[in-house]
PDB file of N, CA and C in Angstrom:
ATOM      1  N   UNK A   1       0.996  -1.513   0.051  1.00  0.00           N
ATOM      2  CA  UNK A   1      -0.345  -0.133   0.068  1.00  0.00           C
ATOM      3  C   UNK A   1       0.741   1.311  -0.074  1.00  0.00           C
ATOM      4  N   UNK A   2      -0.033   2.024  -0.443  1.00  0.00           N
ATOM      5  CA  UNK A   2       1.293   3.591  -1.221  1.00  0.00           C
ATOM      6  C   UNK A   2       0.487   4.211  -0.055  1.00  0.00           C
ATOM      7  N   UNK A   3       1.538   5.257   0.675  1.00  0.00           N
ATOM      8  CA  UNK A   3       0.993   6.423   1.496  1.00  0.00           C
ATOM      9  C   UNK A   3       1.749   8.013   1.683  1.00  0.00           C
ATOM     10  N   UNK A   4       0.803   8.162   1.571  1.00  0.00           N
ATOM     11  CA  UNK A   4       1.070   9.931   1.283  1.00  0.00           C
ATOM     12  C   UNK A   4       1.431  10.651   2.686  1.00  0.00           C
ATOM     13  N   UNK A   5       2.281  10.788   3.560  1.00  0.00           N
ATOM     14  CA  UNK A   5       2.931  11.711   4.258  1.00  0.00           C
ATOM     15  C   UNK A   5       2.671  12.999   4.438  1.00  0.00           C
ATOM     16  N   UNK A   6       1.627  13.943   4.968  1.00  0.00           N
ATOM     17  CA  UNK A   6       1.584  14.790   5.116  1.00  0.00           C
ATOM     18  C   UNK A   6       1.686  15.712   5.695  1.00  0.00           C
ATOM     19  N   UNK A   7       1.950  16.982   5.798  1.00  0.00           N
ATOM     20  CA  UNK A   7       2.590  18.118   6.626  1.00  0.00           C
ATOM     21  C   UNK A   7       2.820  18.163   7.887  1.00  0.00           C
ATOM     22  N   UNK A   8       1.739  17.777   8.598  1.00  0.00           N
ATOM     23  CA  UNK A   8       1.348  17.602   9.557  1.00  0.00           C
ATOM     24  C   UNK A   8       1.588  16.253  10.974  1.00  0.00           C
ATOM     25  N   UNK A   9       2.420  15.246   9.460  1.00  0.00           N
ATOM     26  CA  UNK A   9       3.197  14.223  10.235  1.00  0.00           C
ATOM     27  C   UNK A   9       2.590  13.306   9.750  1.00  0.00           C
ATOM     28  N   UNK A  10       0.901  13.547   9.345  1.00  0.00           N
ATOM     29  CA  UNK A  10      -0.167  11.977   9.741  1.00  0.00           C
ATOM     30  C   UNK A  10       0.027  11.561   8.075  1.00  0.00           C
ATOM     31  N   UNK A  11      -0.095  10.021   8.133  1.00  0.00           N
ATOM     32  CA  UNK A  11      -0.392   9.439   6.980  1.00  0.00           C
ATOM     33  C   UNK A  11      -1.238   8.859   6.967  1.00  0.00           C
ATOM     34  N   UNK A  12      -1.529   8.807   5.053  1.00  0.00           N
ATOM     35  CA  UNK A  12      -2.936   8.116   5.137  1.00  0.00           C
ATOM     36  C   UNK A  12      -2.638   7.613   3.571  1.00  0.00           C
ATOM     37  N   UNK A  13      -3.306   6.573   2.911  1.00  0.00           N
ATOM     38  CA  UNK A  13      -3.430   6.054   2.333  1.00  0.00           C
ATOM     39  C   UNK A  13      -3.927   7.068   0.664  1.00  0.00           C
ATOM     40  N   UNK A  14      -2.611   6.317   0.120  1.00  0.00           N
ATOM     41  CA  UNK A  14      -2.847   7.143  -1.711  1.00  0.00           C
ATOM     42  C   UNK A  14      -4.026   7.256  -1.752  1.00  0.00           C
ATOM     43  N   UNK A  15      -4.958   8.243  -2.540  1.00  0.00           N
ATOM     44  CA  UNK A  15      -5.850   8.417  -3.079  1.00  0.00           C
ATOM     45  C   UNK A  15      -6.207   9.308  -4.204  1.00  0.00           C
ATOM     46  N   UNK A  16      -6.336   8.104  -5.466  1.00  0.00           N
ATOM     47  CA  UNK A  16      -6.379   9.061  -6.666  1.00  0.00           C
ATOM     48  C   UNK A  16      -7.778  10.187  -7.005  1.00  0.00           C
ATOM     49  N   UNK A  17      -8.510   9.744  -6.173  1.00  0.00           N
ATOM     50  CA  UNK A  17      -9.737  10.647  -5.674  1.00  0.00           C
ATOM     51  C   UNK A  17      -9.564  12.159  -5.542  1.00  0.00           C
ATOM     52  N   UNK A  18      -8.256  11.393  -4.725  1.00  0.00           N
ATOM     53  CA  UNK A  18      -8.313  12.763  -3.968  1.00  0.00           C
ATOM     54  C   UNK A  18      -7.186  14.412  -4.651  1.00  0.00           C
ATOM     55  N   UNK A  19      -6.278  13.245  -5.797  1.00  0.00           N
ATOM     56  CA  UNK A  19      -5.794  13.877  -6.831  1.00  0.00           C
ATOM     57  C   UNK A  19      -7.115  14.729  -7.427  1.00  0.00           C
ATOM     58  N   UNK A  20      -7.830  13.821  -8.397  1.00  0.00           N
ATOM     59  CA  UNK A  20      -9.007  14.042  -8.854  1.00  0.00           C
ATOM     60  C   UNK A  20      -9.627  15.441  -8.478  1.00  0.00           C
ATOM     61  N   UNK A  21     -10.266  15.362  -7.145  1.00  0.00           N
ATOM     62  CA  UNK A  21     -10.701  16.524  -6.821  1.00  0.00           C
ATOM     63  C   UNK A  21      -9.936  17.957  -6.916  1.00  0.00           C
ATOM     64  N   UNK A  22      -8.525  17.424  -6.194  1.00  0.00           N
ATOM     65  CA  UNK A  22      -7.888  18.890  -6.157  1.00  0.00           C
ATOM     66  C   UNK A  22      -7.742  19.412  -7.775  1.00  0.00           C
ATOM     67  N   UNK A  23      -7.156  18.299  -9.041  1.00  0.00           N
ATOM     68  CA  UNK A  23      -6.913  18.968 -10.012  1.00  0.00           C
ATOM     69  C   UNK A  23      -8.360  19.400 -10.362  1.00  0.00           C
ATOM     70  N   UNK A  24      -9.481  19.047 -10.346  1.00  0.00           N
ATOM     71  CA  UNK A  24     -10.674  19.401 -10.667  1.00  0.00           C
ATOM     72  C   UNK A  24     -10.906  20.922 -10.520  1.00  0.00           C
ATOM     73  N   UNK A  25     -10.264  21.200  -9.196  1.00  0.00           N
ATOM     74  CA  UNK A  25     -10.939  22.936  -8.361  1.00  0.00           C
ATOM     75  C   UNK A  25     -10.187  23.668  -9.723  1.00  0.00           C
ATOM     76  N   UNK A  26      -8.806  23.455  -9.833  1.00  0.00           N
ATOM     77  CA  UNK A  26      -7.892  24.381 -10.806  1.00  0.00           C
ATOM     78  C   UNK A  26      -8.590  24.078 -12.309  1.00  0.00           C
ATOM     79  N   UNK A  27      -9.216  23.057 -12.735  1.00  0.00           N
ATOM     80  CA  UNK A  27      -9.981  22.641 -14.198  1.00  0.00           C
ATOM     81  C   UNK A  27     -11.048  23.637 -14.453  1.00  0.00           C
ATOM     82  N   UNK A  28     -11.944  24.392 -13.663  1.00  0.00           N
ATOM     83  CA  UNK A  28     -13.404  24.685 -13.290  1.00  0.00           C
ATOM     84  C   UNK A  28     -13.533  25.397 -14.674  1.00  0.00           C
ATOM     85  N   UNK A  29     -13.982  25.599 -15.397  1.00  0.00           N
ATOM     86  CA  UNK A  29     -14.564  26.501 -16.653  1.00  0.00           C
ATOM     87  C   UNK A  29     -13.150  26.285 -17.756  1.00  0.00           C
ATOM     88  N   UNK A  30     -12.498  25.502 -17.436  1.00  0.00           N
ATOM     89  CA  UNK A  30     -11.478  24.727 -18.186  1.00  0.00           C
ATOM     90  C   UNK A  30     -12.456  23.470 -19.555  1.00  0.00           C
ATOM     91  N   UNK A  31     -11.551  23.484 -20.807  1.00  0.00           N
ATOM     92  CA  UNK A  31     -12.519  22.421 -21.749  1.00  0.00           C
ATOM     93  C   UNK A  31     -11.656  21.133 -21.588  1.00  0.00           C
ATOM     94  N   UNK A  32     -11.603  20.298 -19.822  1.00  0.00           N
ATOM     95  CA  UNK A  32     -10.977  19.649 -19.542  1.00  0.00           C
ATOM     96  C   UNK A  32     -12.384  18.525 -19.321  1.00  0.00           C
ATOM     97  N   UNK A  33     -11.849  17.314 -19.551  1.00  0.00           N
ATOM     98  CA  UNK A  33     -13.230  16.209 -18.841  1.00  0.00           C
ATOM     99  C   UNK A  33     -12.870  15.333 -17.636  1.00  0.00           C
ATOM    100  N   UNK A  34     -14.299  14.639 -17.487  1.00  0.00           N
ATOM    101  CA  UNK A  34     -13.628  13.647 -16.575  1.00  0.00           C
ATOM    102  C   UNK A  34     -12.977  12.450 -16.642  1.00  0.00           C
ATOM    103  N   UNK A  35     -12.475  11.865 -18.022  1.00  0.00           N
ATOM    104  CA  UNK A  35     -11.294  11.292 -18.199  1.00  0.00           C
ATOM    105  C   UNK A  35     -10.205  11.965 -18.281  1.00  0.00           C
ATOM    106  N   UNK A  36     -10.196  12.797 -18.991  1.00  0.00           N
ATOM    107  CA  UNK A  36      -8.857  13.692 -18.945  1.00  0.00           C
ATOM    108  C   UNK A  36      -8.287  13.299 -17.704  1.00  0.00           C
ATOM    109  N   UNK A  37      -8.941  14.185 -16.361  1.00  0.00           N
ATOM    110  CA  UNK A  37      -8.682  14.008 -15.182  1.00  0.00           C
ATOM    111  C   UNK A  37      -8.406  13.225 -14.505  1.00  0.00           C
ATOM    112  N   UNK A  38      -9.268  11.592 -14.937  1.00  0.00           N
ATOM    113  CA  UNK A  38      -9.257  10.213 -14.378  1.00  0.00           C
ATOM    114  C   UNK A  38      -7.655   9.755 -15.207  1.00  0.00           C
ATOM    115  N   UNK A  39      -7.122  10.420 -16.188  1.00  0.00           N
ATOM    116  CA  UNK A  39      -5.644   9.978 -16.772  1.00  0.00           C
ATOM    117  C   UNK A  39      -4.827  10.470 -16.320  1.00  0.00           C
ATOM    118  N   UNK A  40      -5.048  11.801 -15.428  1.00  0.00           N
ATOM    119  CA  UNK A  40      -3.792  12.569 -15.456  1.00  0.00           C
ATOM    120  C   UNK A  40      -3.679  11.852 -14.328  1.00  0.00           C
ATOM    121  N   UNK A  41      -4.523  11.844 -13.271  1.00  0.00           N
ATOM    122  CA  UNK A  41      -4.614  11.164 -11.663  1.00  0.00           C
ATOM    123  C   UNK A  41      -3.647   9.151 -12.214  1.00  0.00           C
ATOM    124  N   UNK A  42      -4.063   9.081 -12.973  1.00  0.00           N
ATOM    125  CA  UNK A  42      -3.549   7.397 -13.137  1.00  0.00           C
ATOM    126  C   UNK A  42      -1.850   7.825 -13.400  1.00  0.00           C
ATOM    127  N   UNK A  43      -1.809   8.547 -14.518  1.00  0.00           N
ATOM    128  CA  UNK A  43      -0.347   9.189 -14.780  1.00  0.00           C
ATOM    129  C   UNK A  43       0.728   9.548 -13.185  1.00  0.00           C
ATOM    130  N   UNK A  44      -0.018  10.314 -12.899  1.00  0.00           N
ATOM    131  CA  UNK A  44       0.516  10.688 -11.333  1.00  0.00           C
ATOM    132  C   UNK A  44       0.828   9.599 -10.496  1.00  0.00           C
ATOM    133  N   UNK A  45      -0.324   9.155 -10.178  1.00  0.00           N
ATOM    134  CA  UNK A  45       0.056   7.548  -9.209  1.00  0.00           C
ATOM    135  C   UNK A  45       1.381   6.583 -10.487  1.00  0.00           C
ATOM    136  N   UNK A  46       1.599   6.347 -11.180  1.00  0.00           N
ATOM    137  CA  UNK A  46       2.001   5.716 -11.879  1.00  0.00           C
ATOM    138  C   UNK A  46       3.398   6.291 -11.640  1.00  0.00           C
ATOM    139  N   UNK A  47       3.769   7.745 -11.618  1.00  0.00           N
ATOM    140  CA  UNK A  47       4.518   8.181 -11.461  1.00  0.00           C
ATOM    141  C   UNK A  47       5.104   7.873  -9.798  1.00  0.00           C
ATOM    142  N   UNK A  48       4.398   7.720  -9.166  1.00  0.00           N
ATOM    143  CA  UNK A  48       4.992   8.143  -7.785  1.00  0.00           C
ATOM    144  C   UNK A  48       4.863   6.357  -7.281  1.00  0.00           C
ATOM    145  N   UNK A  49       4.216   5.556  -8.292  1.00  0.00           N
ATOM    146  CA  UNK A  49       4.973   3.944  -7.246  1.00  0.00           C
ATOM    147  C   UNK A  49       6.127   3.703  -8.043  1.00  0.00           C
ATOM    148  N   UNK A  50       6.242   4.435  -9.295  1.00  0.00           N
ATOM    149  CA  UNK A  50       7.462   3.826  -9.756  1.00  0.00           C
ATOM    150  C   UNK A  50       8.430   4.092  -9.093  1.00  0.00           C
ATOM    151  N   UNK A  51       9.060   5.213  -8.462  1.00  0.00           N
ATOM    152  CA  UNK A  51       9.841   5.656  -7.497  1.00  0.00           C
ATOM    153  C   UNK A  51      10.271   4.603  -6.551  1.00  0.00           C
ATOM    154  N   UNK A  52       8.854   3.533  -6.129  1.00  0.00           N
ATOM    155  CA  UNK A  52       9.453   2.021  -5.273  1.00  0.00           C
ATOM    156  C   UNK A  52       9.058   2.326  -3.897  1.00  0.00           C
ATOM    157  N   UNK A  53       8.982   3.960  -3.350  1.00  0.00           N
ATOM    158  CA  UNK A  53       8.591   3.938  -1.831  1.00  0.00           C
ATOM    159  C   UNK A  53       7.430   3.626  -1.364  1.00  0.00           C
ATOM    160  N   UNK A  54       7.682   3.362   0.255  1.00  0.00           N
ATOM    161  CA  UNK A  54       6.104   2.879   0.083  1.00  0.00           C
ATOM    162  C   UNK A  54       5.135   4.201   0.813  1.00  0.00           C
ATOM    163  N   UNK A  55       5.988   5.113   1.311  1.00  0.00           N
ATOM    164  CA  UNK A  55       5.798   6.468   1.815  1.00  0.00           C
ATOM    165  C   UNK A  55       6.169   7.514   1.319  1.00  0.00           C
ATOM    166  N   UNK A  56       5.131   8.504   0.209  1.00  0.00           N
ATOM    167  CA  UNK A  56       5.786   9.748  -0.266  1.00  0.00           C
ATOM    168  C   UNK A  56       5.377  10.580   0.339  1.00  0.00           C
ATOM    169  N   UNK A  57       5.926  12.340   0.403  1.00  0.00           N
ATOM    170  CA  UNK A  57       5.769  13.542   1.311  1.00  0.00           C
ATOM    171  C   UNK A  57       4.414  14.079   0.427  1.00  0.00           C
ATOM    172  N   UNK A  58       3.329  14.616   0.877  1.00  0.00           N
ATOM    173  CA  UNK A  58       2.047  14.893   0.182  1.00  0.00           C
ATOM    174  C   UNK A  58       3.356  15.775  -0.555  1.00  0.00           C
ATOM    175  N   UNK A  59       3.909  17.239  -0.350  1.00  0.00           N
ATOM    176  CA  UNK A  59       4.572  18.049  -1.751  1.00  0.00           C
ATOM    177  C   UNK A  59       5.052  16.582  -2.584  1.00  0.00           C
ATOM    178  N   UNK A  60       5.617  15.774  -2.949  1.00  0.00           N
ATOM    179  CA  UNK A  60       6.052  14.834  -3.954  1.00  0.00           C
ATOM    180  C   UNK A  60       4.941  14.863  -4.928  1.00  0.00           C
ATOM    181  N   UNK A  61       3.323  14.020  -4.120  1.00  0.00           N
ATOM    182  CA  UNK A  61       2.618  14.526  -4.729  1.00  0.00           C
ATOM    183  C   UNK A  61       1.901  15.842  -5.721  1.00  0.00           C
ATOM    184  N   UNK A  62       2.115  16.492  -5.080  1.00  0.00           N
ATOM    185  CA  UNK A  62       2.289  18.230  -5.340  1.00  0.00           C
ATOM    186  C   UNK A  62       2.841  17.829  -7.056  1.00  0.00           C
ATOM    187  N   UNK A  63       4.222  18.217  -7.256  1.00  0.00           N
ATOM    188  CA  UNK A  63       5.389  18.168  -8.136  1.00  0.00           C
ATOM    189  C   UNK A  63       4.998  16.983  -8.669  1.00  0.00           C
ATOM    190  N   UNK A  64       4.182  15.550  -8.799  1.00  0.00           N
ATOM    191  CA  UNK A  64       4.001  15.089  -9.500  1.00  0.00           C
ATOM    192  C   UNK A  64       2.572  15.069 -10.516  1.00  0.00           C
ATOM    193  N   UNK A  65       1.895  16.307 -10.037  1.00  0.00           N
ATOM    194  CA  UNK A  65       0.992  16.485 -10.757  1.00  0.00           C
ATOM    195  C   UNK A  65       1.287  17.524 -11.870  1.00  0.00           C
ATOM    196  N   UNK A  66       2.144  18.580 -11.279  1.00  0.00           N
ATOM    197  CA  UNK A  66       2.369  19.987 -12.705  1.00  0.00           C
ATOM    198  C   UNK A  66       2.802  19.306 -14.073  1.00  0.00           C
ATOM    199  N   UNK A  67       3.452  18.459 -13.883  1.00  0.00           N
ATOM    200  CA  UNK A  67       4.188  18.087 -15.107  1.00  0.00           C
ATOM    201  C   UNK A  67       2.925  17.451 -16.131  1.00  0.00           C
ATOM    202  N   UNK A  68       1.783  16.591 -15.294  1.00  0.00           N
ATOM    203  CA  UNK A  68       1.073  15.770 -16.290  1.00  0.00           C
ATOM    204  C   UNK A  68      -0.040  17.056 -16.645  1.00  0.00           C
ATOM    205  N   UNK A  69      -0.465  18.176 -15.459  1.00  0.00           N
ATOM    206  CA  UNK A  69      -1.428  18.986 -15.560  1.00  0.00           C
ATOM    207  C   UNK A  69      -0.649  19.890 -16.619  1.00  0.00           C
ATOM    208  N   UNK A  70       0.046  20.744 -17.004  1.00  0.00           N
ATOM    209  CA  UNK A  70       1.203  21.425 -17.465  1.00  0.00           C
ATOM    210  C   UNK A  70       1.082  21.184 -19.362  1.00  0.00           C
ATOM    211  N   UNK A  71       0.326  19.593 -19.219  1.00  0.00           N
ATOM    212  CA  UNK A  71       0.577  19.096 -20.592  1.00  0.00           C
ATOM    213  C   UNK A  71      -1.328  19.109 -21.390  1.00  0.00           C
ATOM    214  N   UNK A  72      -1.911  19.269 -19.905  1.00  0.00           N
ATOM    215  CA  UNK A  72      -3.319  19.145 -20.121  1.00  0.00           C
ATOM    216  C   UNK A  72      -4.124  20.517 -20.034  1.00  0.00           C
ATOM    217  N   UNK A  73      -3.593  21.495 -19.954  1.00  0.00           N
ATOM    218  CA  UNK A  73      -3.811  22.599 -19.642  1.00  0.00           C
ATOM    219  C   UNK A  73      -3.565  23.490 -18.989  1.00  0.00           C
ATOM    220  N   UNK A  74      -2.842  24.571 -19.548  1.00  0.00           N
ATOM    221  CA  UNK A  74      -1.928  25.483 -18.617  1.00  0.00           C
ATOM    222  C   UNK A  74      -2.412  26.379 -18.570  1.00  0.00           C
ATOM    223  N   UNK A  75      -3.982  26.943 -18.367  1.00  0.00           N
ATOM    224  CA  UNK A  75      -4.529  27.731 -17.375  1.00  0.00           C
ATOM    225  C   UNK A  75      -4.609  27.001 -16.095  1.00  0.00           C
ATOM    226  N   UNK A  76      -5.579  25.967 -16.104  1.00  0.00           N
ATOM    227  CA  UNK A  76      -5.398  24.736 -14.826  1.00  0.00           C
ATOM    228  C   UNK A  76      -4.146  25.023 -14.201  1.00  0.00           C
ATOM    229  N   UNK A  77      -3.004  24.625 -15.080  1.00  0.00           N
ATOM    230  CA  UNK A  77      -1.249  24.165 -14.322  1.00  0.00           C
ATOM    231  C   UNK A  77      -1.415  25.536 -13.789  1.00  0.00           C
ATOM    232  N   UNK A  78      -1.571  26.672 -13.789  1.00  0.00           N
ATOM    233  CA  UNK A  78      -1.186  28.215 -13.192  1.00  0.00           C
ATOM    234  C   UNK A  78      -1.924  28.162 -12.566  1.00  0.00           C
ATOM    235  N   UNK A  79      -3.213  27.597 -12.702  1.00  0.00           N
ATOM    236  CA  UNK A  79      -3.827  28.086 -11.124  1.00  0.00           C
ATOM    237  C   UNK A  79      -3.551  26.752 -10.323  1.00  0.00           C
ATOM    238  N   UNK A  80      -3.451  25.400 -10.483  1.00  0.00           N
ATOM    239  CA  UNK A  80      -2.484  24.658  -9.494  1.00  0.00           C
ATOM    240  C   UNK A  80      -1.619  25.120  -8.998  1.00  0.00           C
ATOM    241  N   UNK A  81      -0.560  25.328  -9.924  1.00  0.00           N
ATOM    242  CA  UNK A  81       0.790  26.111  -9.551  1.00  0.00           C
ATOM    243  C   UNK A  81       0.734  27.438  -8.273  1.00  0.00           C
ATOM    244  N   UNK A  82      -0.249  28.156  -8.559  1.00  0.00           N
ATOM    245  CA  UNK A  82      -0.107  29.341  -8.056  1.00  0.00           C
ATOM    246  C   UNK A  82      -0.921  29.331  -6.381  1.00  0.00           C
ATOM    247  N   UNK A  83      -1.669  28.238  -5.940  1.00  0.00           N
ATOM    248  CA  UNK A  83      -1.623  27.431  -4.887  1.00  0.00           C
ATOM    249  C   UNK A  83      -0.617  26.876  -4.613  1.00  0.00           C
ATOM    250  N   UNK A  84      -0.356  25.417  -5.226  1.00  0.00           N
ATOM    251  CA  UNK A  84       0.312  24.645  -4.415  1.00  0.00           C
ATOM    252  C   UNK A  84       1.649  25.263  -4.646  1.00  0.00           C
ATOM    253  N   UNK A  85       2.444  26.602  -4.765  1.00  0.00           N
ATOM    254  CA  UNK A  85       3.705  26.960  -4.743  1.00  0.00           C
ATOM    255  C   UNK A  85       3.844  28.346  -4.275  1.00  0.00           C
ATOM    256  N   UNK A  86       2.292  28.352  -3.549  1.00  0.00           N
ATOM    257  CA  UNK A  86       2.091  30.270  -2.581  1.00  0.00           C
ATOM    258  C   UNK A  86       2.030  31.264  -3.677  1.00  0.00           C
ATOM    259  N   UNK A  87       2.038  31.284  -4.800  1.00  0.00           N
ATOM    260  CA  UNK A  87       2.334  32.406  -5.154  1.00  0.00           C
ATOM    261  C   UNK A  87       1.874  33.499  -4.732  1.00  0.00           C
ATOM    262  N   UNK A  88       2.723  34.801  -4.573  1.00  0.00           N
ATOM    263  CA  UNK A  88       2.340  36.270  -3.687  1.00  0.00           C
ATOM    264  C   UNK A  88       2.627  37.487  -4.662  1.00  0.00           C
ATOM    265  N   UNK A  89       2.918  37.112  -5.368  1.00  0.00           N
ATOM    266  CA  UNK A  89       2.792  38.319  -6.243  1.00  0.00           C
ATOM    267  C   UNK A  89       2.757  37.934  -7.956  1.00  0.00           C
ATOM    268  N   UNK A  90       2.627  39.340  -8.666  1.00  0.00           N
ATOM    269  CA  UNK A  90       2.552  39.130  -9.818  1.00  0.00           C
ATOM    270  C   UNK A  90       3.215  38.451 -10.690  1.00  0.00           C
ATOM    271  N   UNK A  91       4.433  38.936 -10.177  1.00  0.00           N
ATOM    272  CA  UNK A  91       6.078  38.392 -11.112  1.00  0.00           C
ATOM    273  C   UNK A  91       6.134  36.764 -10.910  1.00  0.00           C
ATOM    274  N   UNK A  92       5.404  36.526  -9.991  1.00  0.00           N
ATOM    275  CA  UNK A  92       5.547  34.948  -9.874  1.00  0.00           C
ATOM    276  C   UNK A  92       4.739  34.162 -10.948  1.00  0.00           C
ATOM    277  N   UNK A  93       3.506  35.093 -11.241  1.00  0.00           N
ATOM    278  CA  UNK A  93       3.083  34.409 -12.187  1.00  0.00           C
ATOM    279  C   UNK A  93       3.888  34.634 -13.850  1.00  0.00           C
ATOM    280  N   UNK A  94       4.339  35.661 -13.516  1.00  0.00           N
ATOM    281  CA  UNK A  94       5.490  36.299 -14.789  1.00  0.00           C
ATOM    282  C   UNK A  94       6.066  35.202 -14.810  1.00  0.00           C
ATOM    283  N   UNK A  95       6.856  35.033 -13.887  1.00  0.00           N
ATOM    284  CA  UNK A  95       8.237  34.059 -14.406  1.00  0.00           C
ATOM    285  C   UNK A  95       7.688  32.596 -14.535  1.00  0.00           C
ATOM    286  N   UNK A  96       6.237  32.223 -14.261  1.00  0.00           N
ATOM    287  CA  UNK A  96       5.998  30.612 -14.398  1.00  0.00           C
ATOM    288  C   UNK A  96       5.641  31.127 -15.793  1.00  0.00           C
ATOM    289  N   UNK A  97       4.965  32.228 -16.217  1.00  0.00           N
ATOM    290  CA  UNK A  97       4.256  31.638 -17.183  1.00  0.00           C
ATOM    291  C   UNK A  97       5.830  31.888 -18.539  1.00  0.00           C
ATOM    292  N   UNK A  98       6.472  32.863 -18.101  1.00  0.00           N
ATOM    293  CA  UNK A  98       7.781  33.107 -18.829  1.00  0.00           C
ATOM    294  C   UNK A  98       8.374  31.465 -19.081  1.00  0.00           C
ATOM    295  N   UNK A  99       8.326  30.724 -18.354  1.00  0.00           N
ATOM    296  CA  UNK A  99       8.607  29.037 -18.102  1.00  0.00           C
ATOM    297  C   UNK A  99       8.082  28.333 -18.831  1.00  0.00           C
ATOM    298  N   UNK A 100       6.479  28.489 -19.439  1.00  0.00           N
ATOM    299  CA  UNK A 100       5.560  27.684 -19.971  1.00  0.00           C
ATOM    300  C   UNK A 100       5.547  28.109 -21.506  1.00  0.00           C
ATOM    301  N   UNK A 101       5.907  29.634 -21.598  1.00  0.00           N
ATOM    302  CA  UNK A 101       6.581  30.372 -23.023  1.00  0.00           C
ATOM    303  C   UNK A 101       7.533  29.493 -23.760  1.00  0.00           C
ATOM    304  N   UNK A 102       8.783  28.834 -22.358  1.00  0.00           N
ATOM    305  CA  UNK A 102       9.631  28.721 -23.223  1.00  0.00           C
ATOM    306  C   UNK A 102       9.591  27.088 -23.685  1.00  0.00           C
ATOM    307  N   UNK A 103       8.791  26.250 -22.795  1.00  0.00           N
ATOM    308  CA  UNK A 103       8.587  24.981 -22.563  1.00  0.00           C
ATOM    309  C   UNK A 103       7.804  24.946 -24.213  1.00  0.00           C
ATOM    310  N   UNK A 104       6.504  25.871 -24.496  1.00  0.00           N
ATOM    311  CA  UNK A 104       6.074  25.555 -25.256  1.00  0.00           C
ATOM    312  C   UNK A 104       7.375  26.088 -26.403  1.00  0.00           C
ATOM    313  N   UNK A 105       7.888  26.799 -26.635  1.00  0.00           N
ATOM    314  CA  UNK A 105       8.734  27.427 -27.570  1.00  0.00           C
ATOM    315  C   UNK A 105       9.362  26.027 -28.183  1.00  0.00           C
ATOM    316  N   UNK A 106      10.161  25.596 -26.671  1.00  0.00           N
ATOM    317  CA  UNK A 106      11.396  23.905 -27.047  1.00  0.00           C
ATOM    318  C   UNK A 106      10.245  22.734 -27.897  1.00  0.00           C
ATOM    319  N   UNK A 107       9.030  22.898 -27.120  1.00  0.00           N
ATOM    320  CA  UNK A 107       8.111  21.707 -28.065  1.00  0.00           C
ATOM    321  C   UNK A 107       8.054  21.816 -29.593  1.00  0.00           C
ATOM    322  N   UNK A 108       8.016  23.377 -29.761  1.00  0.00           N
ATOM    323  CA  UNK A 108       6.945  23.535 -31.039  1.00  0.00           C
ATOM    324  C   UNK A 108       8.670  23.365 -32.225  1.00  0.00           C
ATOM    325  N   UNK A 109       9.944  23.786 -31.590  1.00  0.00           N
ATOM    326  CA  UNK A 109      11.295  23.518 -31.984  1.00  0.00           C
ATOM    327  C   UNK A 109      11.397  21.469 -32.386  1.00  0.00           C
ATOM    328  N   UNK A 110      10.784  21.177 -31.334  1.00  0.00           N
ATOM    329  CA  UNK A 110      11.542  19.565 -31.312  1.00  0.00           C
ATOM    330  C   UNK A 110      10.605  19.276 -32.700  1.00  0.00           C
ATOM    331  N   UNK A 111       9.140  19.466 -32.454  1.00  0.00           N
ATOM    332  CA  UNK A 111       8.056  19.289 -33.545  1.00  0.00           C
ATOM    333  C   UNK A 111       8.384  19.755 -34.970  1.00  0.00           C
ATOM    334  N   UNK A 112       8.936  20.673 -34.933  1.00  0.00           N
ATOM    335  CA  UNK A 112       9.460  21.349 -36.240  1.00  0.00           C
ATOM    336  C   UNK A 112       8.538  21.883 -37.187  1.00  0.00           C
ATOM    337  N   UNK A 113       7.429  22.891 -35.844  1.00  0.00           N
ATOM    338  CA  UNK A 113       6.635  23.823 -36.032  1.00  0.00           C
ATOM    339  C   UNK A 113       6.589  25.161 -36.203  1.00  0.00           C
TER     340      UNK A 113
END
């Protein structure tokens, strides 16, 4: 059984549904459907299980969500990242958006578009 260690030190079983619930909030009003959310949660769970660890800090679960969410929907990614990383200024958003733009440019370059 895979366990998540919360910031408070409490340990609870990993819940794919909790991942879906957290990401669903970030995806409100976005063109993301339930299948997309379930697939993202599966990718997160697979990534976490592939580490082989029996326990994983909740912070690591959040990190595992960021990559797949960025691929799924950039606006939802920004929403999630702003809460997860505790953005406190416009500069935090600007820095994250600059990173998104750079990643998009690299991807376009690789794909030859």
